[in-house]
Amino acid sequence: MYLIDTNIIIYHLSNGIPKTAHRKMREIFKRHFNISVITKIEVLGFRKHTDTSFLTAQQFLGYAKVLELNEPIIETVIALRRVHKIKLPDAIIAATALRHDLTLITRNTHDFDGIGIKTYNPFA
């Protein structure tokens, strides 16, 4: 099972996923389209959206299972930020992946080094 990071959603919506990863990413979006609530906020809150791009993003994310914040995820975020230098949105995404035992799909794997989550980079 997978958790899809914000940057992968943005690349997907702009047709920026490498051709070599298209088949695998299509399958993941079809069967394991999980995102953190922070990814929904980041994607839809992008201030440079046009009306059309906002609607497209909103429709696309409508197919996702949005994993909300809960107390175990919050406690994991706190623990991660006390030990690692990690931005709050990344800590929320990492904690969500950890608590749900999901592989994080991200281009920015280095942002999650050393915190114990599995990652997959479709650009590698």
PDB file of N, CA and C in Angstrom:
ATOM      1  N   MET A   1       0.828  -1.176   0.000  1.00  0.00           N
ATOM      2  CA  MET A   1       0.000   0.000   0.000  1.00  0.00           C
ATOM      3  C   MET A   1       0.884   1.254   0.000  1.00  0.00           C
ATOM      4  N   TYR A   2       0.334   2.338  -0.514  1.00  0.00           N
ATOM      5  CA  TYR A   2       1.110   3.554  -0.738  1.00  0.00           C
ATOM      6  C   TYR A   2       0.416   4.799  -0.194  1.00  0.00           C
ATOM      7  N   LEU A   3       1.230   5.799   0.107  1.00  0.00           N
ATOM      8  CA  LEU A   3       0.781   7.143   0.418  1.00  0.00           C
ATOM      9  C   LEU A   3       1.451   8.055  -0.598  1.00  0.00           C
ATOM     10  N   ILE A   4       0.686   8.888  -1.256  1.00  0.00           N
ATOM     11  CA  ILE A   4       1.225   9.706  -2.341  1.00  0.00           C
ATOM     12  C   ILE A   4       1.487  11.118  -1.836  1.00  0.00           C
ATOM     13  N   ASP A   5       2.730  11.570  -2.010  1.00  0.00           N
ATOM     14  CA  ASP A   5       3.159  12.884  -1.554  1.00  0.00           C
ATOM     15  C   ASP A   5       2.619  13.974  -2.483  1.00  0.00           C
ATOM     16  N   THR A   6       2.572  15.175  -1.962  1.00  0.00           N
ATOM     17  CA  THR A   6       2.065  16.327  -2.699  1.00  0.00           C
ATOM     18  C   THR A   6       2.770  16.523  -4.030  1.00  0.00           C
ATOM     19  N   ASN A   7       4.104  16.404  -4.035  1.00  0.00           N
ATOM     20  CA  ASN A   7       4.841  16.666  -5.275  1.00  0.00           C
ATOM     21  C   ASN A   7       4.465  15.686  -6.382  1.00  0.00           C
ATOM     22  N   ILE A   8       4.130  14.482  -6.039  1.00  0.00           N
ATOM     23  CA  ILE A   8       3.742  13.495  -7.056  1.00  0.00           C
ATOM     24  C   ILE A   8       2.375  13.860  -7.648  1.00  0.00           C
ATOM     25  N   ILE A   9       1.462  14.330  -6.828  1.00  0.00           N
ATOM     26  CA  ILE A   9       0.158  14.782  -7.332  1.00  0.00           C
ATOM     27  C   ILE A   9       0.356  15.941  -8.303  1.00  0.00           C
ATOM     28  N   ILE A  10       1.201  16.892  -7.924  1.00  0.00           N
ATOM     29  CA  ILE A  10       1.457  18.052  -8.786  1.00  0.00           C
ATOM     30  C   ILE A  10       2.086  17.616 -10.099  1.00  0.00           C
ATOM     31  N   TYR A  11       3.088  16.729 -10.045  1.00  0.00           N
ATOM     32  CA  TYR A  11       3.689  16.229 -11.290  1.00  0.00           C
ATOM     33  C   TYR A  11       2.656  15.499 -12.136  1.00  0.00           C
ATOM     34  N   HIS A  12       1.813  14.707 -11.504  1.00  0.00           N
ATOM     35  CA  HIS A  12       0.799  13.963 -12.249  1.00  0.00           C
ATOM     36  C   HIS A  12      -0.162  14.919 -12.960  1.00  0.00           C
ATOM     37  N   LEU A  13      -0.634  15.918 -12.244  1.00  0.00           N
ATOM     38  CA  LEU A  13      -1.598  16.858 -12.828  1.00  0.00           C
ATOM     39  C   LEU A  13      -0.995  17.684 -13.961  1.00  0.00           C
ATOM     40  N   SER A  14       0.329  17.830 -13.961  1.00  0.00           N
ATOM     41  CA  SER A  14       0.988  18.591 -15.031  1.00  0.00           C
ATOM     42  C   SER A  14       1.668  17.673 -16.055  1.00  0.00           C
ATOM     43  N   ASN A  15       1.278  16.391 -16.048  1.00  0.00           N
ATOM     44  CA  ASN A  15       1.843  15.383 -16.961  1.00  0.00           C
ATOM     45  C   ASN A  15       3.358  15.300 -16.857  1.00  0.00           C
ATOM     46  N   GLY A  16       3.884  15.411 -15.640  1.00  0.00           N
ATOM     47  CA  GLY A  16       5.322  15.415 -15.429  1.00  0.00           C
ATOM     48  C   GLY A  16       5.911  14.126 -14.900  1.00  0.00           C
ATOM     49  N   ILE A  17       5.094  13.087 -14.740  1.00  0.00           N
ATOM     50  CA  ILE A  17       5.618  11.795 -14.281  1.00  0.00           C
ATOM     51  C   ILE A  17       6.392  11.163 -15.434  1.00  0.00           C
ATOM     52  N   PRO A  18       7.598  10.643 -15.168  1.00  0.00           N
ATOM     53  CA  PRO A  18       8.383  10.013 -16.247  1.00  0.00           C
ATOM     54  C   PRO A  18       7.611   8.875 -16.916  1.00  0.00           C
ATOM     55  N   LYS A  19       7.775   8.774 -18.216  1.00  0.00           N
ATOM     56  CA  LYS A  19       7.083   7.726 -18.984  1.00  0.00           C
ATOM     57  C   LYS A  19       7.395   6.336 -18.455  1.00  0.00           C
ATOM     58  N   THR A  20       8.612   6.141 -17.954  1.00  0.00           N
ATOM     59  CA  THR A  20       8.997   4.828 -17.437  1.00  0.00           C
ATOM     60  C   THR A  20       8.182   4.423 -16.210  1.00  0.00           C
ATOM     61  N   ALA A  21       7.560   5.386 -15.539  1.00  0.00           N
ATOM     62  CA  ALA A  21       6.792   5.093 -14.331  1.00  0.00           C
ATOM     63  C   ALA A  21       5.283   5.157 -14.566  1.00  0.00           C
ATOM     64  N   HIS A  22       4.844   5.458 -15.770  1.00  0.00           N
ATOM     65  CA  HIS A  22       3.406   5.632 -16.032  1.00  0.00           C
ATOM     66  C   HIS A  22       2.581   4.419 -15.634  1.00  0.00           C
ATOM     67  N   ARG A  23       2.993   3.240 -16.056  1.00  0.00           N
ATOM     68  CA  ARG A  23       2.205   2.032 -15.791  1.00  0.00           C
ATOM     69  C   ARG A  23       2.067   1.797 -14.284  1.00  0.00           C
ATOM     70  N   LYS A  24       3.193   1.867 -13.573  1.00  0.00           N
ATOM     71  CA  LYS A  24       3.154   1.631 -12.131  1.00  0.00           C
ATOM     72  C   LYS A  24       2.314   2.699 -11.431  1.00  0.00           C
ATOM     73  N   MET A  25       2.469   3.955 -11.812  1.00  0.00           N
ATOM     74  CA  MET A  25       1.718   5.020 -11.161  1.00  0.00           C
ATOM     75  C   MET A  25       0.219   4.911 -11.466  1.00  0.00           C
ATOM     76  N   ARG A  26      -0.139   4.531 -12.685  1.00  0.00           N
ATOM     77  CA  ARG A  26      -1.561   4.317 -13.005  1.00  0.00           C
ATOM     78  C   ARG A  26      -2.158   3.255 -12.087  1.00  0.00           C
ATOM     79  N   GLU A  27      -1.412   2.182 -11.902  1.00  0.00           N
ATOM     80  CA  GLU A  27      -1.871   1.095 -11.038  1.00  0.00           C
ATOM     81  C   GLU A  27      -2.006   1.565  -9.593  1.00  0.00           C
ATOM     82  N   ILE A  28      -1.040   2.337  -9.126  1.00  0.00           N
ATOM     83  CA  ILE A  28      -1.100   2.853  -7.752  1.00  0.00           C
ATOM     84  C   ILE A  28      -2.285   3.784  -7.580  1.00  0.00           C
ATOM     85  N   PHE A  29      -2.491   4.706  -8.521  1.00  0.00           N
ATOM     86  CA  PHE A  29      -3.641   5.607  -8.421  1.00  0.00           C
ATOM     87  C   PHE A  29      -4.955   4.821  -8.460  1.00  0.00           C
ATOM     88  N   LYS A  30      -4.977   3.733  -9.199  1.00  0.00           N
ATOM     89  CA  LYS A  30      -6.196   2.939  -9.323  1.00  0.00           C
ATOM     90  C   LYS A  30      -6.491   2.145  -8.047  1.00  0.00           C
ATOM     91  N   ARG A  31      -5.453   1.606  -7.412  1.00  0.00           N
ATOM     92  CA  ARG A  31      -5.664   0.682  -6.298  1.00  0.00           C
ATOM     93  C   ARG A  31      -5.283   1.217  -4.921  1.00  0.00           C
ATOM     94  N   HIS A  32      -4.380   2.178  -4.870  1.00  0.00           N
ATOM     95  CA  HIS A  32      -3.827   2.622  -3.579  1.00  0.00           C
ATOM     96  C   HIS A  32      -3.746   4.142  -3.503  1.00  0.00           C
ATOM     97  N   PHE A  33      -4.773   4.834  -3.884  1.00  0.00           N
ATOM     98  CA  PHE A  33      -4.740   6.292  -3.957  1.00  0.00           C
ATOM     99  C   PHE A  33      -5.016   6.873  -2.570  1.00  0.00           C
ATOM    100  N   ASN A  34      -3.990   6.817  -1.720  1.00  0.00           N
ATOM    101  CA  ASN A  34      -4.070   7.362  -0.373  1.00  0.00           C
ATOM    102  C   ASN A  34      -3.250   8.633  -0.307  1.00  0.00           C
ATOM    103  N   ILE A  35      -3.823   9.662   0.332  1.00  0.00           N
ATOM    104  CA  ILE A  35      -3.082  10.895   0.562  1.00  0.00           C
ATOM    105  C   ILE A  35      -3.317  11.340   1.998  1.00  0.00           C
ATOM    106  N   SER A  36      -2.377  12.104   2.521  1.00  0.00           N
ATOM    107  CA  SER A  36      -2.548  12.739   3.821  1.00  0.00           C
ATOM    108  C   SER A  36      -3.446  13.958   3.652  1.00  0.00           C
ATOM    109  N   VAL A  37      -4.126  14.332   4.697  1.00  0.00           N
ATOM    110  CA  VAL A  37      -4.948  15.542   4.667  1.00  0.00           C
ATOM    111  C   VAL A  37      -4.088  16.753   4.302  1.00  0.00           C
ATOM    112  N   ILE A  38      -2.812  16.766   4.690  1.00  0.00           N
ATOM    113  CA  ILE A  38      -1.931  17.894   4.363  1.00  0.00           C
ATOM    114  C   ILE A  38      -1.704  17.979   2.854  1.00  0.00           C
ATOM    115  N   THR A  39      -1.652  16.857   2.165  1.00  0.00           N
ATOM    116  CA  THR A  39      -1.507  16.866   0.708  1.00  0.00           C
ATOM    117  C   THR A  39      -2.736  17.491   0.063  1.00  0.00           C
ATOM    118  N   LYS A  40      -3.911  17.154   0.553  1.00  0.00           N
ATOM    119  CA  LYS A  40      -5.136  17.768   0.021  1.00  0.00           C
ATOM    120  C   LYS A  40      -5.084  19.285   0.211  1.00  0.00           C
ATOM    121  N   ILE A  41      -4.677  19.723   1.394  1.00  0.00           N
ATOM    122  CA  ILE A  41      -4.588  21.152   1.684  1.00  0.00           C
ATOM    123  C   ILE A  41      -3.564  21.823   0.777  1.00  0.00           C
ATOM    124  N   GLU A  42      -2.385  21.201   0.628  1.00  0.00           N
ATOM    125  CA  GLU A  42      -1.333  21.798  -0.192  1.00  0.00           C
ATOM    126  C   GLU A  42      -1.734  21.886  -1.659  1.00  0.00           C
ATOM    127  N   VAL A  43      -2.300  20.825  -2.196  1.00  0.00           N
ATOM    128  CA  VAL A  43      -2.657  20.806  -3.619  1.00  0.00           C
ATOM    129  C   VAL A  43      -3.794  21.793  -3.903  1.00  0.00           C
ATOM    130  N   LEU A  44      -4.843  21.740  -3.115  1.00  0.00           N
ATOM    131  CA  LEU A  44      -5.986  22.608  -3.389  1.00  0.00           C
ATOM    132  C   LEU A  44      -5.747  24.050  -2.943  1.00  0.00           C
ATOM    133  N   GLY A  45      -4.831  24.257  -2.016  1.00  0.00           N
ATOM    134  CA  GLY A  45      -4.540  25.599  -1.537  1.00  0.00           C
ATOM    135  C   GLY A  45      -3.513  26.355  -2.358  1.00  0.00           C
ATOM    136  N   PHE A  46      -3.028  25.740  -3.433  1.00  0.00           N
ATOM    137  CA  PHE A  46      -2.043  26.383  -4.302  1.00  0.00           C
ATOM    138  C   PHE A  46      -2.621  27.674  -4.855  1.00  0.00           C
ATOM    139  N   ARG A  47      -1.982  28.796  -4.575  1.00  0.00           N
ATOM    140  CA  ARG A  47      -2.568  30.097  -4.928  1.00  0.00           C
ATOM    141  C   ARG A  47      -2.510  30.429  -6.402  1.00  0.00           C
ATOM    142  N   LYS A  48      -1.735  29.704  -7.185  1.00  0.00           N
ATOM    143  CA  LYS A  48      -1.642  30.003  -8.615  1.00  0.00           C
ATOM    144  C   LYS A  48      -2.592  29.160  -9.465  1.00  0.00           C
ATOM    145  N   HIS A  49      -3.500  28.429  -8.804  1.00  0.00           N
ATOM    146  CA  HIS A  49      -4.505  27.673  -9.565  1.00  0.00           C
ATOM    147  C   HIS A  49      -5.358  28.623 -10.395  1.00  0.00           C
ATOM    148  N   THR A  50      -5.655  28.198 -11.601  1.00  0.00           N
ATOM    149  CA  THR A  50      -6.728  28.834 -12.365  1.00  0.00           C
ATOM    150  C   THR A  50      -8.026  28.162 -11.922  1.00  0.00           C
ATOM    151  N   ASP A  51      -9.157  28.690 -12.329  1.00  0.00           N
ATOM    152  CA  ASP A  51     -10.420  28.037 -12.001  1.00  0.00           C
ATOM    153  C   ASP A  51     -10.439  26.612 -12.553  1.00  0.00           C
ATOM    154  N   THR A  52      -9.917  26.452 -13.760  1.00  0.00           N
ATOM    155  CA  THR A  52      -9.896  25.137 -14.402  1.00  0.00           C
ATOM    156  C   THR A  52      -8.960  24.178 -13.691  1.00  0.00           C
ATOM    157  N   SER A  53      -7.749  24.630 -13.378  1.00  0.00           N
ATOM    158  CA  SER A  53      -6.792  23.725 -12.724  1.00  0.00           C
ATOM    159  C   SER A  53      -7.260  23.356 -11.318  1.00  0.00           C
ATOM    160  N   PHE A  54      -7.925  24.287 -10.629  1.00  0.00           N
ATOM    161  CA  PHE A  54      -8.474  23.976  -9.302  1.00  0.00           C
ATOM    162  C   PHE A  54      -9.540  22.892  -9.408  1.00  0.00           C
ATOM    163  N   LEU A  55     -10.441  23.034 -10.359  1.00  0.00           N
ATOM    164  CA  LEU A  55     -11.499  22.027 -10.532  1.00  0.00           C
ATOM    165  C   LEU A  55     -10.927  20.667 -10.918  1.00  0.00           C
ATOM    166  N   THR A  56      -9.911  20.678 -11.788  1.00  0.00           N
ATOM    167  CA  THR A  56      -9.262  19.429 -12.176  1.00  0.00           C
ATOM    168  C   THR A  56      -8.627  18.754 -10.967  1.00  0.00           C
ATOM    169  N   ALA A  57      -7.907  19.526 -10.163  1.00  0.00           N
ATOM    170  CA  ALA A  57      -7.265  18.979  -8.965  1.00  0.00           C
ATOM    171  C   ALA A  57      -8.312  18.473  -7.976  1.00  0.00           C
ATOM    172  N   GLN A  58      -9.366  19.236  -7.803  1.00  0.00           N
ATOM    173  CA  GLN A  58     -10.425  18.855  -6.881  1.00  0.00           C
ATOM    174  C   GLN A  58     -11.096  17.547  -7.323  1.00  0.00           C
ATOM    175  N   GLN A  59     -11.377  17.433  -8.608  1.00  0.00           N
ATOM    176  CA  GLN A  59     -11.976  16.199  -9.131  1.00  0.00           C
ATOM    177  C   GLN A  59     -11.035  15.024  -8.944  1.00  0.00           C
ATOM    178  N   PHE A  60      -9.763  15.218  -9.279  1.00  0.00           N
ATOM    179  CA  PHE A  60      -8.796  14.134  -9.165  1.00  0.00           C
ATOM    180  C   PHE A  60      -8.670  13.670  -7.712  1.00  0.00           C
ATOM    181  N   LEU A  61      -8.540  14.610  -6.783  1.00  0.00           N
ATOM    182  CA  LEU A  61      -8.404  14.242  -5.377  1.00  0.00           C
ATOM    183  C   LEU A  61      -9.678  13.634  -4.816  1.00  0.00           C
ATOM    184  N   GLY A  62     -10.791  13.840  -5.500  1.00  0.00           N
ATOM    185  CA  GLY A  62     -12.040  13.205  -5.089  1.00  0.00           C
ATOM    186  C   GLY A  62     -11.985  11.688  -5.152  1.00  0.00           C
ATOM    187  N   TYR A  63     -11.053  11.142  -5.902  1.00  0.00           N
ATOM    188  CA  TYR A  63     -10.866   9.694  -5.994  1.00  0.00           C
ATOM    189  C   TYR A  63      -9.960   9.149  -4.898  1.00  0.00           C
ATOM    190  N   ALA A  64      -9.290  10.028  -4.183  1.00  0.00           N
ATOM    191  CA  ALA A  64      -8.323   9.609  -3.167  1.00  0.00           C
ATOM    192  C   ALA A  64      -8.998   9.289  -1.851  1.00  0.00           C
ATOM    193  N   LYS A  65      -8.362   8.398  -1.107  1.00  0.00           N
ATOM    194  CA  LYS A  65      -8.737   8.194   0.287  1.00  0.00           C
ATOM    195  C   LYS A  65      -7.865   9.162   1.084  1.00  0.00           C
ATOM    196  N   VAL A  66      -8.494  10.119   1.750  1.00  0.00           N
ATOM    197  CA  VAL A  66      -7.772  11.127   2.518  1.00  0.00           C
ATOM    198  C   VAL A  66      -7.623  10.612   3.946  1.00  0.00           C
ATOM    199  N   LEU A  67      -6.370  10.443   4.366  1.00  0.00           N
ATOM    200  CA  LEU A  67      -6.089   9.964   5.714  1.00  0.00           C
ATOM    201  C   LEU A  67      -5.969  11.167   6.639  1.00  0.00           C
ATOM    202  N   GLU A  68      -6.923  11.279   7.529  1.00  0.00           N
ATOM    203  CA  GLU A  68      -7.041  12.448   8.400  1.00  0.00           C
ATOM    204  C   GLU A  68      -6.050  12.380   9.564  1.00  0.00           C
ATOM    205  N   LEU A  69      -5.856  13.517  10.197  1.00  0.00           N
ATOM    206  CA  LEU A  69      -5.068  13.558  11.429  1.00  0.00           C
ATOM    207  C   LEU A  69      -5.855  12.902  12.553  1.00  0.00           C
ATOM    208  N   ASN A  70      -5.153  12.137  13.362  1.00  0.00           N
ATOM    209  CA  ASN A  70      -5.750  11.580  14.574  1.00  0.00           C
ATOM    210  C   ASN A  70      -4.678  11.628  15.659  1.00  0.00           C
ATOM    211  N   GLU A  71      -5.016  11.256  16.848  1.00  0.00           N
ATOM    212  CA  GLU A  71      -4.070  11.382  17.967  1.00  0.00           C
ATOM    213  C   GLU A  71      -2.777  10.574  17.762  1.00  0.00           C
ATOM    214  N   PRO A  72      -2.828   9.324  17.290  1.00  0.00           N
ATOM    215  CA  PRO A  72      -1.571   8.608  17.059  1.00  0.00           C
ATOM    216  C   PRO A  72      -0.669   9.289  16.010  1.00  0.00           C
ATOM    217  N   ILE A  73      -1.261   9.836  14.956  1.00  0.00           N
ATOM    218  CA  ILE A  73      -0.459  10.543  13.949  1.00  0.00           C
ATOM    219  C   ILE A  73       0.124  11.812  14.561  1.00  0.00           C
ATOM    220  N   ILE A  74      -0.665  12.542  15.322  1.00  0.00           N
ATOM    221  CA  ILE A  74      -0.178  13.763  15.964  1.00  0.00           C
ATOM    222  C   ILE A  74       0.990  13.446  16.893  1.00  0.00           C
ATOM    223  N   GLU A  75       0.879  12.402  17.687  1.00  0.00           N
ATOM    224  CA  GLU A  75       1.970  12.011  18.601  1.00  0.00           C
ATOM    225  C   GLU A  75       3.226  11.632  17.822  1.00  0.00           C
ATOM    226  N   THR A  76       3.057  10.984  16.679  1.00  0.00           N
ATOM    227  CA  THR A  76       4.202  10.617  15.849  1.00  0.00           C
ATOM    228  C   THR A  76       4.840  11.850  15.228  1.00  0.00           C
ATOM    229  N   VAL A  77       4.026  12.813  14.802  1.00  0.00           N
ATOM    230  CA  VAL A  77       4.555  14.082  14.279  1.00  0.00           C
ATOM    231  C   VAL A  77       5.409  14.762  15.338  1.00  0.00           C
ATOM    232  N   ILE A  78       4.905  14.826  16.545  1.00  0.00           N
ATOM    233  CA  ILE A  78       5.651  15.460  17.637  1.00  0.00           C
ATOM    234  C   ILE A  78       6.979  14.748  17.857  1.00  0.00           C
ATOM    235  N   ALA A  79       6.945  13.420  17.903  1.00  0.00           N
ATOM    236  CA  ALA A  79       8.174  12.648  18.116  1.00  0.00           C
ATOM    237  C   ALA A  79       9.173  12.876  16.981  1.00  0.00           C
ATOM    238  N   LEU A  80       8.699  12.898  15.747  1.00  0.00           N
ATOM    239  CA  LEU A  80       9.588  13.117  14.605  1.00  0.00           C
ATOM    240  C   LEU A  80      10.238  14.492  14.671  1.00  0.00           C
ATOM    241  N   ARG A  81       9.456  15.510  14.981  1.00  0.00           N
ATOM    242  CA  ARG A  81       9.990  16.882  15.006  1.00  0.00           C
ATOM    243  C   ARG A  81      10.928  17.108  16.182  1.00  0.00           C
ATOM    244  N   ARG A  82      10.785  16.336  17.239  1.00  0.00           N
ATOM    245  CA  ARG A  82      11.698  16.483  18.378  1.00  0.00           C
ATOM    246  C   ARG A  82      13.063  15.891  18.080  1.00  0.00           C
ATOM    247  N   VAL A  83      13.111  14.928  17.155  1.00  0.00           N
ATOM    248  CA  VAL A  83      14.362  14.216  16.873  1.00  0.00           C
ATOM    249  C   VAL A  83      14.990  14.636  15.549  1.00  0.00           C
ATOM    250  N   HIS A  84      14.186  14.941  14.566  1.00  0.00           N
ATOM    251  CA  HIS A  84      14.678  15.211  13.212  1.00  0.00           C
ATOM    252  C   HIS A  84      14.384  16.647  12.798  1.00  0.00           C
ATOM    253  N   LYS A  85      15.234  17.162  11.952  1.00  0.00           N
ATOM    254  CA  LYS A  85      14.972  18.475  11.346  1.00  0.00           C
ATOM    255  C   LYS A  85      14.082  18.210  10.140  1.00  0.00           C
ATOM    256  N   ILE A  86      12.794  18.396  10.318  1.00  0.00           N
ATOM    257  CA  ILE A  86      11.806  18.091   9.281  1.00  0.00           C
ATOM    258  C   ILE A  86      10.698  19.133   9.338  1.00  0.00           C
ATOM    259  N   LYS A  87      10.289  19.603   8.181  1.00  0.00           N
ATOM    260  CA  LYS A  87       9.210  20.591   8.097  1.00  0.00           C
ATOM    261  C   LYS A  87       7.901  19.960   8.566  1.00  0.00           C
ATOM    262  N   LEU A  88       7.030  20.794   9.112  1.00  0.00           N
ATOM    263  CA  LEU A  88       5.768  20.289   9.653  1.00  0.00           C
ATOM    264  C   LEU A  88       4.942  19.520   8.616  1.00  0.00           C
ATOM    265  N   PRO A  89       4.740  20.044   7.382  1.00  0.00           N
ATOM    266  CA  PRO A  89       3.954  19.247   6.418  1.00  0.00           C
ATOM    267  C   PRO A  89       4.602  17.887   6.129  1.00  0.00           C
ATOM    268  N   ASP A  90       5.919  17.852   5.999  1.00  0.00           N
ATOM    269  CA  ASP A  90       6.608  16.580   5.756  1.00  0.00           C
ATOM    270  C   ASP A  90       6.479  15.648   6.953  1.00  0.00           C
ATOM    271  N   ALA A  91       6.518  16.199   8.159  1.00  0.00           N
ATOM    272  CA  ALA A  91       6.359  15.376   9.359  1.00  0.00           C
ATOM    273  C   ALA A  91       4.960  14.762   9.420  1.00  0.00           C
ATOM    274  N   ILE A  92       3.952  15.533   9.019  1.00  0.00           N
ATOM    275  CA  ILE A  92       2.583  14.999   8.997  1.00  0.00           C
ATOM    276  C   ILE A  92       2.469  13.882   7.973  1.00  0.00           C
ATOM    277  N   ILE A  93       3.048  14.085   6.803  1.00  0.00           N
ATOM    278  CA  ILE A  93       3.019  13.053   5.756  1.00  0.00           C
ATOM    279  C   ILE A  93       3.788  11.812   6.220  1.00  0.00           C
ATOM    280  N   ALA A  94       4.970  12.011   6.791  1.00  0.00           N
ATOM    281  CA  ALA A  94       5.774  10.882   7.276  1.00  0.00           C
ATOM    282  C   ALA A  94       5.043  10.122   8.375  1.00  0.00           C
ATOM    283  N   ALA A  95       4.468  10.834   9.326  1.00  0.00           N
ATOM    284  CA  ALA A  95       3.750  10.186  10.423  1.00  0.00           C
ATOM    285  C   ALA A  95       2.544   9.405   9.905  1.00  0.00           C
ATOM    286  N   THR A  96       1.871   9.946   8.904  1.00  0.00           N
ATOM    287  CA  THR A  96       0.738   9.251   8.303  1.00  0.00           C
ATOM    288  C   THR A  96       1.202   7.947   7.663  1.00  0.00           C
ATOM    289  N   ALA A  97       2.312   8.008   6.927  1.00  0.00           N
ATOM    290  CA  ALA A  97       2.865   6.793   6.310  1.00  0.00           C
ATOM    291  C   ALA A  97       3.271   5.775   7.380  1.00  0.00           C
ATOM    292  N   LEU A  98       3.927   6.244   8.421  1.00  0.00           N
ATOM    293  CA  LEU A  98       4.366   5.343   9.491  1.00  0.00           C
ATOM    294  C   LEU A  98       3.185   4.683  10.186  1.00  0.00           C
ATOM    295  N   ARG A  99       2.205   5.468  10.557  1.00  0.00           N
ATOM    296  CA  ARG A  99       1.065   4.951  11.320  1.00  0.00           C
ATOM    297  C   ARG A  99       0.177   4.008  10.509  1.00  0.00           C
ATOM    298  N   HIS A 100       0.173   4.185   9.200  1.00  0.00           N
ATOM    299  CA  HIS A 100      -0.642   3.319   8.340  1.00  0.00           C
ATOM    300  C   HIS A 100       0.204   2.257   7.635  1.00  0.00           C
ATOM    301  N   ASP A 101       1.496   2.209   7.955  1.00  0.00           N
ATOM    302  CA  ASP A 101       2.441   1.258   7.349  1.00  0.00           C
ATOM    303  C   ASP A 101       2.377   1.306   5.819  1.00  0.00           C
ATOM    304  N   LEU A 102       2.536   2.529   5.279  1.00  0.00           N
ATOM    305  CA  LEU A 102       2.461   2.759   3.845  1.00  0.00           C
ATOM    306  C   LEU A 102       3.814   3.182   3.302  1.00  0.00           C
ATOM    307  N   THR A 103       4.095   2.821   2.061  1.00  0.00           N
ATOM    308  CA  THR A 103       5.276   3.308   1.348  1.00  0.00           C
ATOM    309  C   THR A 103       4.938   4.678   0.787  1.00  0.00           C
ATOM    310  N   LEU A 104       5.804   5.643   1.046  1.00  0.00           N
ATOM    311  CA  LEU A 104       5.580   7.005   0.571  1.00  0.00           C
ATOM    312  C   LEU A 104       6.130   7.163  -0.832  1.00  0.00           C
ATOM    313  N   ILE A 105       5.291   7.600  -1.751  1.00  0.00           N
ATOM    314  CA  ILE A 105       5.726   7.899  -3.110  1.00  0.00           C
ATOM    315  C   ILE A 105       6.032   9.382  -3.166  1.00  0.00           C
ATOM    316  N   THR A 106       7.298   9.709  -3.407  1.00  0.00           N
ATOM    317  CA  THR A 106       7.742  11.091  -3.417  1.00  0.00           C
ATOM    318  C   THR A 106       8.975  11.230  -4.292  1.00  0.00           C
ATOM    319  N   ARG A 107       9.146  12.405  -4.851  1.00  0.00           N
ATOM    320  CA  ARG A 107      10.389  12.694  -5.561  1.00  0.00           C
ATOM    321  C   ARG A 107      11.460  13.145  -4.567  1.00  0.00           C
ATOM    322  N   ASN A 108      11.024  13.647  -3.428  1.00  0.00           N
ATOM    323  CA  ASN A 108      11.936  14.210  -2.431  1.00  0.00           C
ATOM    324  C   ASN A 108      12.255  13.196  -1.333  1.00  0.00           C
ATOM    325  N   THR A 109      12.802  12.060  -1.722  1.00  0.00           N
ATOM    326  CA  THR A 109      13.090  11.015  -0.742  1.00  0.00           C
ATOM    327  C   THR A 109      14.061  11.495   0.334  1.00  0.00           C
ATOM    328  N   HIS A 110      14.970  12.406  -0.024  1.00  0.00           N
ATOM    329  CA  HIS A 110      15.959  12.901   0.952  1.00  0.00           C
ATOM    330  C   HIS A 110      15.294  13.633   2.115  1.00  0.00           C
ATOM    331  N   ASP A 111      14.101  14.181   1.907  1.00  0.00           N
ATOM    332  CA  ASP A 111      13.380  14.856   2.997  1.00  0.00           C
ATOM    333  C   ASP A 111      12.963  13.875   4.093  1.00  0.00           C
ATOM    334  N   PHE A 112      12.965  12.581   3.770  1.00  0.00           N
ATOM    335  CA  PHE A 112      12.471  11.570   4.692  1.00  0.00           C
ATOM    336  C   PHE A 112      13.553  10.571   5.103  1.00  0.00           C
ATOM    337  N   ASP A 113      14.811  10.884   4.781  1.00  0.00           N
ATOM    338  CA  ASP A 113      15.922  10.007   5.152  1.00  0.00           C
ATOM    339  C   ASP A 113      16.040   9.880   6.665  1.00  0.00           C
ATOM    340  N   GLY A 114      16.306   8.664   7.105  1.00  0.00           N
ATOM    341  CA  GLY A 114      16.618   8.434   8.510  1.00  0.00           C
ATOM    342  C   GLY A 114      15.445   8.421   9.466  1.00  0.00           C
ATOM    343  N   ILE A 115      14.220   8.439   8.947  1.00  0.00           N
ATOM    344  CA  ILE A 115      13.082   8.436   9.876  1.00  0.00           C
ATOM    345  C   ILE A 115      12.281   7.135   9.831  1.00  0.00           C
ATOM    346  N   GLY A 116      12.753   6.170   9.065  1.00  0.00           N
ATOM    347  CA  GLY A 116      12.167   4.835   9.128  1.00  0.00           C
ATOM    348  C   GLY A 116      10.967   4.566   8.245  1.00  0.00           C
ATOM    349  N   ILE A 117      10.768   5.376   7.201  1.00  0.00           N
ATOM    350  CA  ILE A 117       9.664   5.046   6.302  1.00  0.00           C
ATOM    351  C   ILE A 117      10.213   4.552   4.968  1.00  0.00           C
ATOM    352  N   LYS A 118       9.434   3.686   4.343  1.00  0.00           N
ATOM    353  CA  LYS A 118       9.784   3.198   3.017  1.00  0.00           C
ATOM    354  C   LYS A 118       9.356   4.253   1.998  1.00  0.00           C
ATOM    355  N   THR A 119      10.187   4.454   0.985  1.00  0.00           N
ATOM    356  CA  THR A 119       9.861   5.422  -0.056  1.00  0.00           C
ATOM    357  C   THR A 119      10.029   4.797  -1.437  1.00  0.00           C
ATOM    358  N   TYR A 120       9.315   5.373  -2.395  1.00  0.00           N
ATOM    359  CA  TYR A 120       9.449   5.014  -3.793  1.00  0.00           C
ATOM    360  C   TYR A 120       9.497   6.325  -4.580  1.00  0.00           C
ATOM    361  N   ASN A 121      10.522   6.470  -5.400  1.00  0.00           N
ATOM    362  CA  ASN A 121      10.684   7.666  -6.237  1.00  0.00           C
ATOM    363  C   ASN A 121      10.488   7.263  -7.689  1.00  0.00           C
ATOM    364  N   PRO A 122       9.366   7.633  -8.312  1.00  0.00           N
ATOM    365  CA  PRO A 122       9.143   7.262  -9.716  1.00  0.00           C
ATOM    366  C   PRO A 122      10.076   7.968 -10.678  1.00  0.00           C
ATOM    367  N   PHE A 123      10.854   8.921 -10.206  1.00  0.00           N
ATOM    368  CA  PHE A 123      11.802   9.651 -11.049  1.00  0.00           C
ATOM    369  C   PHE A 123      13.193   9.002 -11.029  1.00  0.00           C
ATOM    370  N   ALA A 124      13.397   8.065 -10.114  1.00  0.00           N
ATOM    371  CA  ALA A 124      14.730   7.444  -9.984  1.00  0.00           C
ATOM    372  C   ALA A 124      14.919   6.319 -10.984  1.00  0.00           C
TER     373      ALA A 124
END
